[in-house]
PDB file of N, CA and C in Angstrom:
ATOM      1  N   MET A   1     -21.051 -40.304  57.427  1.00  0.00           N
ATOM      2  CA  MET A   1     -21.785 -39.141  57.145  1.00  0.00           C
ATOM      3  C   MET A   1     -20.891 -38.017  56.619  1.00  0.00           C
ATOM      4  N   ALA A   2     -19.735 -37.966  57.192  1.00  0.00           N
ATOM      5  CA  ALA A   2     -18.791 -36.940  56.770  1.00  0.00           C
ATOM      6  C   ALA A   2     -18.392 -37.165  55.327  1.00  0.00           C
ATOM      7  N   SER A   3     -18.264 -38.433  54.929  1.00  0.00           N
ATOM      8  CA  SER A   3     -17.865 -38.703  53.545  1.00  0.00           C
ATOM      9  C   SER A   3     -18.992 -38.370  52.591  1.00  0.00           C
ATOM     10  N   SER A   4     -20.247 -38.622  52.987  1.00  0.00           N
ATOM     11  CA  SER A   4     -21.361 -38.282  52.115  1.00  0.00           C
ATOM     12  C   SER A   4     -21.521 -36.764  52.029  1.00  0.00           C
ATOM     13  N   ARG A   5     -21.203 -36.138  53.143  1.00  0.00           N
ATOM     14  CA  ARG A   5     -21.271 -34.691  53.145  1.00  0.00           C
ATOM     15  C   ARG A   5     -20.168 -34.118  52.264  1.00  0.00           C
ATOM     16  N   GLY A   6     -18.983 -34.722  52.293  1.00  0.00           N
ATOM     17  CA  GLY A   6     -17.848 -34.314  51.453  1.00  0.00           C
ATOM     18  C   GLY A   6     -18.169 -34.551  49.999  1.00  0.00           C
ATOM     19  N   GLN A   7     -18.824 -35.671  49.691  1.00  0.00           N
ATOM     20  CA  GLN A   7     -19.229 -35.978  48.320  1.00  0.00           C
ATOM     21  C   GLN A   7     -20.247 -34.943  47.832  1.00  0.00           C
ATOM     22  N   GLY A   8     -21.169 -34.588  48.718  1.00  0.00           N
ATOM     23  CA  GLY A   8     -22.176 -33.590  48.364  1.00  0.00           C
ATOM     24  C   GLY A   8     -21.533 -32.236  48.085  1.00  0.00           C
ATOM     25  N   GLY A   9     -20.517 -31.904  48.870  1.00  0.00           N
ATOM     26  CA  GLY A   9     -19.795 -30.634  48.677  1.00  0.00           C
ATOM     27  C   GLY A   9     -19.041 -30.629  47.360  1.00  0.00           C
ATOM     28  N   ILE A  10     -18.453 -31.781  47.028  1.00  0.00           N
ATOM     29  CA  ILE A  10     -17.725 -31.901  45.755  1.00  0.00           C
ATOM     30  C   ILE A  10     -18.700 -31.765  44.595  1.00  0.00           C
ATOM     31  N   GLN A  11     -19.855 -32.409  44.743  1.00  0.00           N
ATOM     32  CA  GLN A  11     -20.877 -32.319  43.690  1.00  0.00           C
ATOM     33  C   GLN A  11     -21.336 -30.873  43.517  1.00  0.00           C
ATOM     34  N   GLN A  12     -21.483 -30.167  44.633  1.00  0.00           N
ATOM     35  CA  GLN A  12     -21.899 -28.770  44.554  1.00  0.00           C
ATOM     36  C   GLN A  12     -20.819 -27.923  43.866  1.00  0.00           C
ATOM     37  N   LEU A  13     -19.562 -28.211  44.214  1.00  0.00           N
ATOM     38  CA  LEU A  13     -18.460 -27.481  43.577  1.00  0.00           C
ATOM     39  C   LEU A  13     -18.414 -27.758  42.077  1.00  0.00           C
ATOM     40  N   LEU A  14     -18.596 -29.017  41.686  1.00  0.00           N
ATOM     41  CA  LEU A  14     -18.597 -29.365  40.261  1.00  0.00           C
ATOM     42  C   LEU A  14     -19.764 -28.690  39.548  1.00  0.00           C
ATOM     43  N   ALA A  15     -20.923 -28.675  40.186  1.00  0.00           N
ATOM     44  CA  ALA A  15     -22.089 -28.026  39.591  1.00  0.00           C
ATOM     45  C   ALA A  15     -21.849 -26.527  39.463  1.00  0.00           C
ATOM     46  N   ALA A  16     -21.258 -25.937  40.491  1.00  0.00           N
ATOM     47  CA  ALA A  16     -20.974 -24.503  40.458  1.00  0.00           C
ATOM     48  C   ALA A  16     -19.946 -24.196  39.373  1.00  0.00           C
ATOM     49  N   GLU A  17     -18.943 -25.059  39.237  1.00  0.00           N
ATOM     50  CA  GLU A  17     -17.926 -24.873  38.198  1.00  0.00           C
ATOM     51  C   GLU A  17     -18.555 -24.958  36.809  1.00  0.00           C
ATOM     52  N   GLN A  18     -19.439 -25.916  36.598  1.00  0.00           N
ATOM     53  CA  GLN A  18     -20.118 -26.066  35.312  1.00  0.00           C
ATOM     54  C   GLN A  18     -21.004 -24.845  35.029  1.00  0.00           C
ATOM     55  N   GLU A  19     -21.696 -24.368  36.047  1.00  0.00           N
ATOM     56  CA  GLU A  19     -22.543 -23.178  35.885  1.00  0.00           C
ATOM     57  C   GLU A  19     -21.683 -21.960  35.535  1.00  0.00           C
ATOM     58  N   ALA A  20     -20.547 -21.833  36.208  1.00  0.00           N
ATOM     59  CA  ALA A  20     -19.640 -20.719  35.933  1.00  0.00           C
ATOM     60  C   ALA A  20     -19.116 -20.815  34.495  1.00  0.00           C
ATOM     61  N   GLN A  21     -18.777 -22.021  34.067  1.00  0.00           N
ATOM     62  CA  GLN A  21     -18.290 -22.225  32.698  1.00  0.00           C
ATOM     63  C   GLN A  21     -19.377 -21.863  31.689  1.00  0.00           C
ATOM     64  N   ARG A  22     -20.627 -22.235  31.996  1.00  0.00           N
ATOM     65  CA  ARG A  22     -21.740 -21.913  31.112  1.00  0.00           C
ATOM     66  C   ARG A  22     -21.923 -20.404  31.020  1.00  0.00           C
ATOM     67  N   ILE A  23     -21.816 -19.707  32.146  1.00  0.00           N
ATOM     68  CA  ILE A  23     -21.960 -18.246  32.169  1.00  0.00           C
ATOM     69  C   ILE A  23     -20.833 -17.577  31.364  1.00  0.00           C
ATOM     70  N   VAL A  24     -19.599 -18.070  31.545  1.00  0.00           N
ATOM     71  CA  VAL A  24     -18.453 -17.524  30.806  1.00  0.00           C
ATOM     72  C   VAL A  24     -18.644 -17.747  29.313  1.00  0.00           C
ATOM     73  N   ASN A  25     -19.070 -18.925  28.914  1.00  0.00           N
ATOM     74  CA  ASN A  25     -19.295 -19.218  27.492  1.00  0.00           C
ATOM     75  C   ASN A  25     -20.400 -18.328  26.915  1.00  0.00           C
ATOM     76  N   ALA A  26     -21.467 -18.150  27.694  1.00  0.00           N
ATOM     77  CA  ALA A  26     -22.555 -17.291  27.233  1.00  0.00           C
ATOM     78  C   ALA A  26     -22.053 -15.855  27.058  1.00  0.00           C
ATOM     79  N   ALA A  27     -21.225 -15.384  27.987  1.00  0.00           N
ATOM     80  CA  ALA A  27     -20.683 -14.023  27.891  1.00  0.00           C
ATOM     81  C   ALA A  27     -19.771 -13.888  26.677  1.00  0.00           C
ATOM     82  N   LYS A  28     -18.956 -14.918  26.408  1.00  0.00           N
ATOM     83  CA  LYS A  28     -18.076 -14.893  25.225  1.00  0.00           C
ATOM     84  C   LYS A  28     -18.905 -14.844  23.948  1.00  0.00           C
ATOM     85  N   ASN A  29     -19.953 -15.654  23.901  1.00  0.00           N
ATOM     86  CA  ASN A  29     -20.809 -15.670  22.716  1.00  0.00           C
ATOM     87  C   ASN A  29     -21.496 -14.315  22.509  1.00  0.00           C
ATOM     88  N   GLU A  30     -21.958 -13.704  23.597  1.00  0.00           N
ATOM     89  CA  GLU A  30     -22.583 -12.377  23.499  1.00  0.00           C
ATOM     90  C   GLU A  30     -21.577 -11.338  23.024  1.00  0.00           C
ATOM     91  N   LYS A  31     -20.369 -11.446  23.542  1.00  0.00           N
ATOM     92  CA  LYS A  31     -19.312 -10.511  23.152  1.00  0.00           C
ATOM     93  C   LYS A  31     -19.012 -10.662  21.656  1.00  0.00           C
ATOM     94  N   LEU A  32     -18.873 -11.888  21.191  1.00  0.00           N
ATOM     95  CA  LEU A  32     -18.606 -12.131  19.765  1.00  0.00           C
ATOM     96  C   LEU A  32     -19.742 -11.608  18.896  1.00  0.00           C
ATOM     97  N   ALA A  33     -20.979 -11.844  19.348  1.00  0.00           N
ATOM     98  CA  ALA A  33     -22.130 -11.364  18.583  1.00  0.00           C
ATOM     99  C   ALA A  33     -22.129  -9.836  18.530  1.00  0.00           C
ATOM    100  N   ARG A  34     -21.818  -9.179  19.638  1.00  0.00           N
ATOM    101  CA  ARG A  34     -21.789  -7.706  19.668  1.00  0.00           C
ATOM    102  C   ARG A  34     -20.660  -7.176  18.785  1.00  0.00           C
ATOM    103  N   LEU A  35     -19.503  -7.836  18.814  1.00  0.00           N
ATOM    104  CA  LEU A  35     -18.396  -7.417  17.952  1.00  0.00           C
ATOM    105  C   LEU A  35     -18.770  -7.551  16.476  1.00  0.00           C
ATOM    106  N   LYS A  36     -19.443  -8.626  16.142  1.00  0.00           N
ATOM    107  CA  LYS A  36     -19.877  -8.831  14.759  1.00  0.00           C
ATOM    108  C   LYS A  36     -20.872  -7.751  14.357  1.00  0.00           C
ATOM    109  N   GLN A  37     -21.800  -7.441  15.256  1.00  0.00           N
ATOM    110  CA  GLN A  37     -22.798  -6.404  14.986  1.00  0.00           C
ATOM    111  C   GLN A  37     -22.114  -5.038  14.831  1.00  0.00           C
ATOM    112  N   ALA A  38     -21.151  -4.743  15.694  1.00  0.00           N
ATOM    113  CA  ALA A  38     -20.437  -3.467  15.620  1.00  0.00           C
ATOM    114  C   ALA A  38     -19.663  -3.356  14.306  1.00  0.00           C
ATOM    115  N   LYS A  39     -19.066  -4.471  13.894  1.00  0.00           N
ATOM    116  CA  LYS A  39     -18.321  -4.473  12.632  1.00  0.00           C
ATOM    117  C   LYS A  39     -19.267  -4.216  11.461  1.00  0.00           C
ATOM    118  N   GLU A  40     -20.413  -4.848  11.463  1.00  0.00           N
ATOM    119  CA  GLU A  40     -21.384  -4.645  10.389  1.00  0.00           C
ATOM    120  C   GLU A  40     -21.879  -3.202  10.361  1.00  0.00           C
ATOM    121  N   GLU A  41     -22.136  -2.629  11.556  1.00  0.00           N
ATOM    122  CA  GLU A  41     -22.576  -1.237  11.626  1.00  0.00           C
ATOM    123  C   GLU A  41     -21.491  -0.302  11.106  1.00  0.00           C
ATOM    124  N   ALA A  42     -20.242  -0.578  11.487  1.00  0.00           N
ATOM    125  CA  ALA A  42     -19.129   0.259  11.032  1.00  0.00           C
ATOM    126  C   ALA A  42     -18.968   0.167   9.515  1.00  0.00           C
ATOM    127  N   GLU A  43     -19.074  -1.032   8.962  1.00  0.00           N
ATOM    128  CA  GLU A  43     -18.960  -1.199   7.512  1.00  0.00           C
ATOM    129  C   GLU A  43     -20.083  -0.465   6.790  1.00  0.00           C
ATOM    130  N   LYS A  44     -21.280  -0.494   7.365  1.00  0.00           N
ATOM    131  CA  LYS A  44     -22.412   0.214   6.772  1.00  0.00           C
ATOM    132  C   LYS A  44     -22.157   1.724   6.780  1.00  0.00           C
ATOM    133  N   GLU A  45     -21.672   2.244   7.919  1.00  0.00           N
ATOM    134  CA  GLU A  45     -21.374   3.676   8.016  1.00  0.00           C
ATOM    135  C   GLU A  45     -20.274   4.069   7.039  1.00  0.00           C
ATOM    136  N   ILE A  46     -19.266   3.228   6.910  1.00  0.00           N
ATOM    137  CA  ILE A  46     -18.173   3.505   5.974  1.00  0.00           C
ATOM    138  C   ILE A  46     -18.706   3.544   4.550  1.00  0.00           C
ATOM    139  N   ALA A  47     -19.554   2.599   4.209  1.00  0.00           N
ATOM    140  CA  ALA A  47     -20.115   2.562   2.856  1.00  0.00           C
ATOM    141  C   ALA A  47     -20.954   3.808   2.581  1.00  0.00           C
ATOM    142  N   GLU A  48     -21.756   4.235   3.563  1.00  0.00           N
ATOM    143  CA  GLU A  48     -22.563   5.449   3.398  1.00  0.00           C
ATOM    144  C   GLU A  48     -21.678   6.675   3.245  1.00  0.00           C
ATOM    145  N   TYR A  49     -20.628   6.763   4.057  1.00  0.00           N
ATOM    146  CA  TYR A  49     -19.717   7.906   3.987  1.00  0.00           C
ATOM    147  C   TYR A  49     -18.990   7.931   2.649  1.00  0.00           C
ATOM    148  N   ARG A  50     -18.545   6.769   2.212  1.00  0.00           N
ATOM    149  CA  ARG A  50     -17.851   6.669   0.927  1.00  0.00           C
ATOM    150  C   ARG A  50     -18.786   7.088  -0.215  1.00  0.00           C
ATOM    151  N   ALA A  51     -20.038   6.656  -0.155  1.00  0.00           N
ATOM    152  CA  ALA A  51     -21.010   7.027  -1.185  1.00  0.00           C
ATOM    153  C   ALA A  51     -21.251   8.531  -1.172  1.00  0.00           C
ATOM    154  N   GLN A  52     -21.334   9.119   0.019  1.00  0.00           N
ATOM    155  CA  GLN A  52     -21.529  10.569   0.122  1.00  0.00           C
ATOM    156  C   GLN A  52     -20.335  11.306  -0.490  1.00  0.00           C
ATOM    157  N   LEU A  53     -19.118  10.883  -0.156  1.00  0.00           N
ATOM    158  CA  LEU A  53     -17.928  11.526  -0.723  1.00  0.00           C
ATOM    159  C   LEU A  53     -17.890  11.371  -2.236  1.00  0.00           C
ATOM    160  N   GLU A  54     -18.279  10.211  -2.724  1.00  0.00           N
ATOM    161  CA  GLU A  54     -18.291   9.974  -4.168  1.00  0.00           C
ATOM    162  C   GLU A  54     -19.302  10.899  -4.849  1.00  0.00           C
ATOM    163  N   ARG A  55     -20.491  11.078  -4.230  1.00  0.00           N
ATOM    164  CA  ARG A  55     -21.489  11.995  -4.801  1.00  0.00           C
ATOM    165  C   ARG A  55     -20.947  13.421  -4.845  1.00  0.00           C
ATOM    166  N   GLU A  56     -20.310  13.852  -3.756  1.00  0.00           N
ATOM    167  CA  GLU A  56     -19.746  15.202  -3.718  1.00  0.00           C
ATOM    168  C   GLU A  56     -18.663  15.373  -4.772  1.00  0.00           C
ATOM    169  N   PHE A  57     -17.819  14.352  -4.921  1.00  0.00           N
ATOM    170  CA  PHE A  57     -16.750  14.403  -5.919  1.00  0.00           C
ATOM    171  C   PHE A  57     -17.333  14.485  -7.326  1.00  0.00           C
ATOM    172  N   GLN A  58     -18.322  13.650  -7.616  1.00  0.00           N
ATOM    173  CA  GLN A  58     -18.932  13.664  -8.944  1.00  0.00           C
ATOM    174  C   GLN A  58     -19.601  15.005  -9.224  1.00  0.00           C
ATOM    175  N   LYS A  59     -20.212  15.606  -8.188  1.00  0.00           N
ATOM    176  CA  LYS A  59     -20.839  16.916  -8.356  1.00  0.00           C
ATOM    177  C   LYS A  59     -19.786  17.959  -8.692  1.00  0.00           C
ATOM    178  N   LYS A  60     -18.671  17.941  -7.972  1.00  0.00           N
ATOM    179  CA  LYS A  60     -17.596  18.907  -8.247  1.00  0.00           C
ATOM    180  C   LYS A  60     -17.038  18.702  -9.646  1.00  0.00           C
ATOM    181  N   VAL A  61     -16.863  17.441 -10.044  1.00  0.00           N
ATOM    182  CA  VAL A  61     -16.348  17.163 -11.388  1.00  0.00           C
ATOM    183  C   VAL A  61     -17.314  17.676 -12.446  1.00  0.00           C
ATOM    184  N   SER A  62     -18.599  17.420 -12.260  1.00  0.00           N
ATOM    185  CA  SER A  62     -19.580  17.872 -13.253  1.00  0.00           C
ATOM    186  C   SER A  62     -19.673  19.390 -13.263  1.00  0.00           C
ATOM    187  N   ASP A  63     -19.572  20.032 -12.093  1.00  0.00           N
ATOM    188  CA  ASP A  63     -19.603  21.497 -12.044  1.00  0.00           C
ATOM    189  C   ASP A  63     -18.402  22.095 -12.759  1.00  0.00           C
ATOM    190  N   SER A  64     -17.225  21.545 -12.498  1.00  0.00           N
ATOM    191  CA  SER A  64     -16.028  22.111 -13.115  1.00  0.00           C
ATOM    192  C   SER A  64     -15.941  21.782 -14.599  1.00  0.00           C
ATOM    193  N   SER A  65     -16.432  20.617 -15.014  1.00  0.00           N
ATOM    194  CA  SER A  65     -16.370  20.280 -16.435  1.00  0.00           C
ATOM    195  C   SER A  65     -17.376  21.107 -17.219  1.00  0.00           C
ATOM    196  N   GLY A  66     -18.464  21.516 -16.582  1.00  0.00           N
ATOM    197  CA  GLY A  66     -19.432  22.376 -17.247  1.00  0.00           C
ATOM    198  C   GLY A  66     -18.819  23.741 -17.542  1.00  0.00           C
ATOM    199  N   ASP A  67     -17.968  24.216 -16.656  1.00  0.00           N
ATOM    200  CA  ASP A  67     -17.309  25.507 -16.839  1.00  0.00           C
ATOM    201  C   ASP A  67     -16.144  25.415 -17.822  1.00  0.00           C
ATOM    202  N   SER A  68     -15.609  24.235 -18.038  1.00  0.00           N
ATOM    203  CA  SER A  68     -14.416  24.120 -18.873  1.00  0.00           C
ATOM    204  C   SER A  68     -14.703  24.539 -20.304  1.00  0.00           C
ATOM    205  N   GLY A  69     -15.909  24.310 -20.807  1.00  0.00           N
ATOM    206  CA  GLY A  69     -16.259  24.755 -22.152  1.00  0.00           C
ATOM    207  C   GLY A  69     -16.229  26.263 -22.241  1.00  0.00           C
ATOM    208  N   ALA A  70     -16.756  26.926 -21.226  1.00  0.00           N
ATOM    209  CA  ALA A  70     -16.742  28.389 -21.189  1.00  0.00           C
ATOM    210  C   ALA A  70     -15.310  28.903 -21.040  1.00  0.00           C
ATOM    211  N   ASN A  71     -14.512  28.208 -20.224  1.00  0.00           N
ATOM    212  CA  ASN A  71     -13.117  28.613 -20.044  1.00  0.00           C
ATOM    213  C   ASN A  71     -12.334  28.475 -21.338  1.00  0.00           C
ATOM    214  N   VAL A  72     -12.567  27.411 -22.059  1.00  0.00           N
ATOM    215  CA  VAL A  72     -11.868  27.191 -23.319  1.00  0.00           C
ATOM    216  C   VAL A  72     -12.227  28.301 -24.307  1.00  0.00           C
ATOM    217  N   LYS A  73     -13.498  28.639 -24.406  1.00  0.00           N
ATOM    218  CA  LYS A  73     -13.914  29.719 -25.310  1.00  0.00           C
ATOM    219  C   LYS A  73     -13.263  31.038 -24.907  1.00  0.00           C
ATOM    220  N   ARG A  74     -13.283  31.329 -23.614  1.00  0.00           N
ATOM    221  CA  ARG A  74     -12.693  32.577 -23.135  1.00  0.00           C
ATOM    222  C   ARG A  74     -11.208  32.627 -23.445  1.00  0.00           C
ATOM    223  N   LEU A  75     -10.499  31.526 -23.197  1.00  0.00           N
ATOM    224  CA  LEU A  75      -9.063  31.483 -23.480  1.00  0.00           C
ATOM    225  C   LEU A  75      -8.792  31.611 -24.973  1.00  0.00           C
ATOM    226  N   GLU A  76      -9.608  30.999 -25.811  1.00  0.00           N
ATOM    227  CA  GLU A  76      -9.419  31.123 -27.256  1.00  0.00           C
ATOM    228  C   GLU A  76      -9.608  32.566 -27.700  1.00  0.00           C
ATOM    229  N   GLN A  77     -10.613  33.232 -27.141  1.00  0.00           N
ATOM    230  CA  GLN A  77     -10.848  34.636 -27.495  1.00  0.00           C
ATOM    231  C   GLN A  77      -9.679  35.516 -27.053  1.00  0.00           C
ATOM    232  N   GLU A  78      -9.199  35.295 -25.830  1.00  0.00           N
ATOM    233  CA  GLU A  78      -8.048  36.073 -25.346  1.00  0.00           C
ATOM    234  C   GLU A  78      -6.825  35.834 -26.216  1.00  0.00           C
ATOM    235  N   THR A  79      -6.605  34.574 -26.574  1.00  0.00           N
ATOM    236  CA  THR A  79      -5.450  34.242 -27.410  1.00  0.00           C
ATOM    237  C   THR A  79      -5.571  34.901 -28.774  1.00  0.00           C
ATOM    238  N   ASP A  80      -6.748  34.816 -29.381  1.00  0.00           N
ATOM    239  CA  ASP A  80      -6.948  35.444 -30.688  1.00  0.00           C
ATOM    240  C   ASP A  80      -6.730  36.958 -30.601  1.00  0.00           C
ATOM    241  N   THR A  81      -7.209  37.570 -29.534  1.00  0.00           N
ATOM    242  CA  THR A  81      -7.025  39.013 -29.345  1.00  0.00           C
ATOM    243  C   THR A  81      -5.541  39.361 -29.233  1.00  0.00           C
ATOM    244  N   LYS A  82      -4.805  38.598 -28.452  1.00  0.00           N
ATOM    245  CA  LYS A  82      -3.374  38.856 -28.274  1.00  0.00           C
ATOM    246  C   LYS A  82      -2.617  38.644 -29.583  1.00  0.00           C
ATOM    247  N   ILE A  83      -2.973  37.606 -30.338  1.00  0.00           N
ATOM    248  CA  ILE A  83      -2.316  37.350 -31.623  1.00  0.00           C
ATOM    249  C   ILE A  83      -2.579  38.516 -32.584  1.00  0.00           C
ATOM    250  N   ALA A  84      -3.807  38.977 -32.640  1.00  0.00           N
ATOM    251  CA  ALA A  84      -4.147  40.098 -33.513  1.00  0.00           C
ATOM    252  C   ALA A  84      -3.356  41.341 -33.097  1.00  0.00           C
ATOM    253  N   HIS A  85      -3.249  41.586 -31.787  1.00  0.00           N
ATOM    254  CA  HIS A  85      -2.491  42.742 -31.296  1.00  0.00           C
ATOM    255  C   HIS A  85      -1.021  42.623 -31.698  1.00  0.00           C
ATOM    256  N   LEU A  86      -0.442  41.421 -31.533  1.00  0.00           N
ATOM    257  CA  LEU A  86       0.966  41.224 -31.906  1.00  0.00           C
ATOM    258  C   LEU A  86       1.185  41.422 -33.404  1.00  0.00           C
ATOM    259  N   LYS A  87       0.253  40.985 -34.238  1.00  0.00           N
ATOM    260  CA  LYS A  87       0.386  41.172 -35.683  1.00  0.00           C
ATOM    261  C   LYS A  87       0.356  42.655 -36.042  1.00  0.00           C
ATOM    262  N   ILE A  88      -0.541  43.379 -35.401  1.00  0.00           N
ATOM    263  CA  ILE A  88      -0.635  44.822 -35.663  1.00  0.00           C
ATOM    264  C   ILE A  88       0.664  45.515 -35.243  1.00  0.00           C
ATOM    265  N   GLU A  89       1.173  45.175 -34.060  1.00  0.00           N
ATOM    266  CA  GLU A  89       2.419  45.767 -33.583  1.00  0.00           C
ATOM    267  C   GLU A  89       3.587  45.402 -34.495  1.00  0.00           C
ATOM    268  N   ALA A  90       3.617  44.144 -34.944  1.00  0.00           N
ATOM    269  CA  ALA A  90       4.701  43.710 -35.832  1.00  0.00           C
ATOM    270  C   ALA A  90       4.662  44.484 -37.142  1.00  0.00           C
ATOM    271  N   GLU A  91       3.478  44.691 -37.694  1.00  0.00           N
ATOM    272  CA  GLU A  91       3.357  45.458 -38.933  1.00  0.00           C
ATOM    273  C   GLU A  91       3.761  46.918 -38.707  1.00  0.00           C
ATOM    274  N   ARG A  92       3.414  47.445 -37.554  1.00  0.00           N
ATOM    275  CA  ARG A  92       3.705  48.847 -37.264  1.00  0.00           C
ATOM    276  C   ARG A  92       5.201  49.107 -37.149  1.00  0.00           C
ATOM    277  N   ILE A  93       5.942  48.196 -36.496  1.00  0.00           N
ATOM    278  CA  ILE A  93       7.361  48.451 -36.271  1.00  0.00           C
ATOM    279  C   ILE A  93       8.273  47.678 -37.207  1.00  0.00           C
ATOM    280  N   SER A  94       7.742  46.889 -38.127  1.00  0.00           N
ATOM    281  CA  SER A  94       8.605  46.066 -38.978  1.00  0.00           C
ATOM    282  C   SER A  94       9.527  46.923 -39.852  1.00  0.00           C
ATOM    283  N   ASN A  95       9.029  48.039 -40.394  1.00  0.00           N
ATOM    284  CA  ASN A  95       9.889  48.903 -41.215  1.00  0.00           C
ATOM    285  C   ASN A  95      11.028  49.476 -40.393  1.00  0.00           C
ATOM    286  N   ASP A  96      10.750  49.876 -39.156  1.00  0.00           N
ATOM    287  CA  ASP A  96      11.794  50.411 -38.287  1.00  0.00           C
ATOM    288  C   ASP A  96      12.828  49.340 -37.945  1.00  0.00           C
ATOM    289  N   VAL A  97      12.384  48.130 -37.685  1.00  0.00           N
ATOM    290  CA  VAL A  97      13.290  47.035 -37.347  1.00  0.00           C
ATOM    291  C   VAL A  97      14.184  46.703 -38.539  1.00  0.00           C
ATOM    292  N   VAL A  98      13.613  46.649 -39.728  1.00  0.00           N
ATOM    293  CA  VAL A  98      14.400  46.364 -40.937  1.00  0.00           C
ATOM    294  C   VAL A  98      15.438  47.461 -41.143  1.00  0.00           C
ATOM    295  N   ALA A  99      15.046  48.696 -40.981  1.00  0.00           N
ATOM    296  CA  ALA A  99      15.986  49.817 -41.155  1.00  0.00           C
ATOM    297  C   ALA A  99      17.107  49.736 -40.133  1.00  0.00           C
ATOM    298  N   MET A 100      16.775  49.441 -38.889  1.00  0.00           N
ATOM    299  CA  MET A 100      17.784  49.341 -37.841  1.00  0.00           C
ATOM    300  C   MET A 100      18.753  48.205 -38.139  1.00  0.00           C
ATOM    301  N   LEU A 101      18.247  47.067 -38.574  1.00  0.00           N
ATOM    302  CA  LEU A 101      19.109  45.927 -38.883  1.00  0.00           C
ATOM    303  C   LEU A 101      20.030  46.251 -40.059  1.00  0.00           C
ATOM    304  N   LEU A 102      19.490  46.879 -41.081  1.00  0.00           N
ATOM    305  CA  LEU A 102      20.330  47.259 -42.232  1.00  0.00           C
ATOM    306  C   LEU A 102      21.416  48.235 -41.810  1.00  0.00           C
ATOM    307  N   LYS A 103      21.074  49.162 -40.930  1.00  0.00           N
ATOM    308  CA  LYS A 103      22.054  50.134 -40.458  1.00  0.00           C
ATOM    309  C   LYS A 103      23.205  49.436 -39.743  1.00  0.00           C
ATOM    310  N   TYR A 104      22.881  48.486 -38.851  1.00  0.00           N
ATOM    311  CA  TYR A 104      23.929  47.788 -38.090  1.00  0.00           C
ATOM    312  C   TYR A 104      24.747  46.864 -38.999  1.00  0.00           C
ATOM    313  N   VAL A 105      24.096  46.272 -39.972  1.00  0.00           N
ATOM    314  CA  VAL A 105      24.824  45.356 -40.851  1.00  0.00           C
ATOM    315  C   VAL A 105      25.733  46.136 -41.813  1.00  0.00           C
ATOM    316  N   THR A 106      25.297  47.265 -42.258  1.00  0.00           N
ATOM    317  CA  THR A 106      26.074  47.994 -43.272  1.00  0.00           C
ATOM    318  C   THR A 106      27.049  48.984 -42.681  1.00  0.00           C
ATOM    319  N   THR A 107      26.945  49.304 -41.404  1.00  0.00           N
ATOM    320  CA  THR A 107      27.878  50.253 -40.789  1.00  0.00           C
ATOM    321  C   THR A 107      29.121  49.513 -40.327  1.00  0.00           C
ATOM    322  N   VAL A 108      30.286  50.069 -40.695  1.00  0.00           N
ATOM    323  CA  VAL A 108      31.555  49.458 -40.302  1.00  0.00           C
ATOM    324  C   VAL A 108      32.150  50.295 -39.196  1.00  0.00           C
ATOM    325  N   LYS A 109      32.584  49.645 -38.146  1.00  0.00           N
ATOM    326  CA  LYS A 109      33.235  50.345 -37.041  1.00  0.00           C
ATOM    327  C   LYS A 109      34.682  49.967 -37.015  1.00  0.00           C
ATOM    328  N   ASN A 110      35.521  50.950 -36.662  1.00  0.00           N
ATOM    329  CA  ASN A 110      36.955  50.679 -36.566  1.00  0.00           C
ATOM    330  C   ASN A 110      37.359  50.308 -35.185  1.00  0.00           C
TER     331      ASN A 110
END
């Protein structure tokens, strides 16, 4: 009787071990499934964030490129104004500069 009882105890231990192994495997599978789901959710969030940043970047590029035409016109006008001012100044003082240069070239110092 003791041996049959010992056999029954061994069978119970083996059954308990198999049940424990099944529970551990089920937990591992659930963990893997949750990790896969978390990875997919993270990739989705990253893609959405990247798309949002790209939209913001494109908006800034389009906003700044729209102003660049106006900036170019403004800079051209400023440049033309400065060139005209320099030409007027050059004409105004050119006779004085020529006279000064002739004076220095023709004057002899000892």
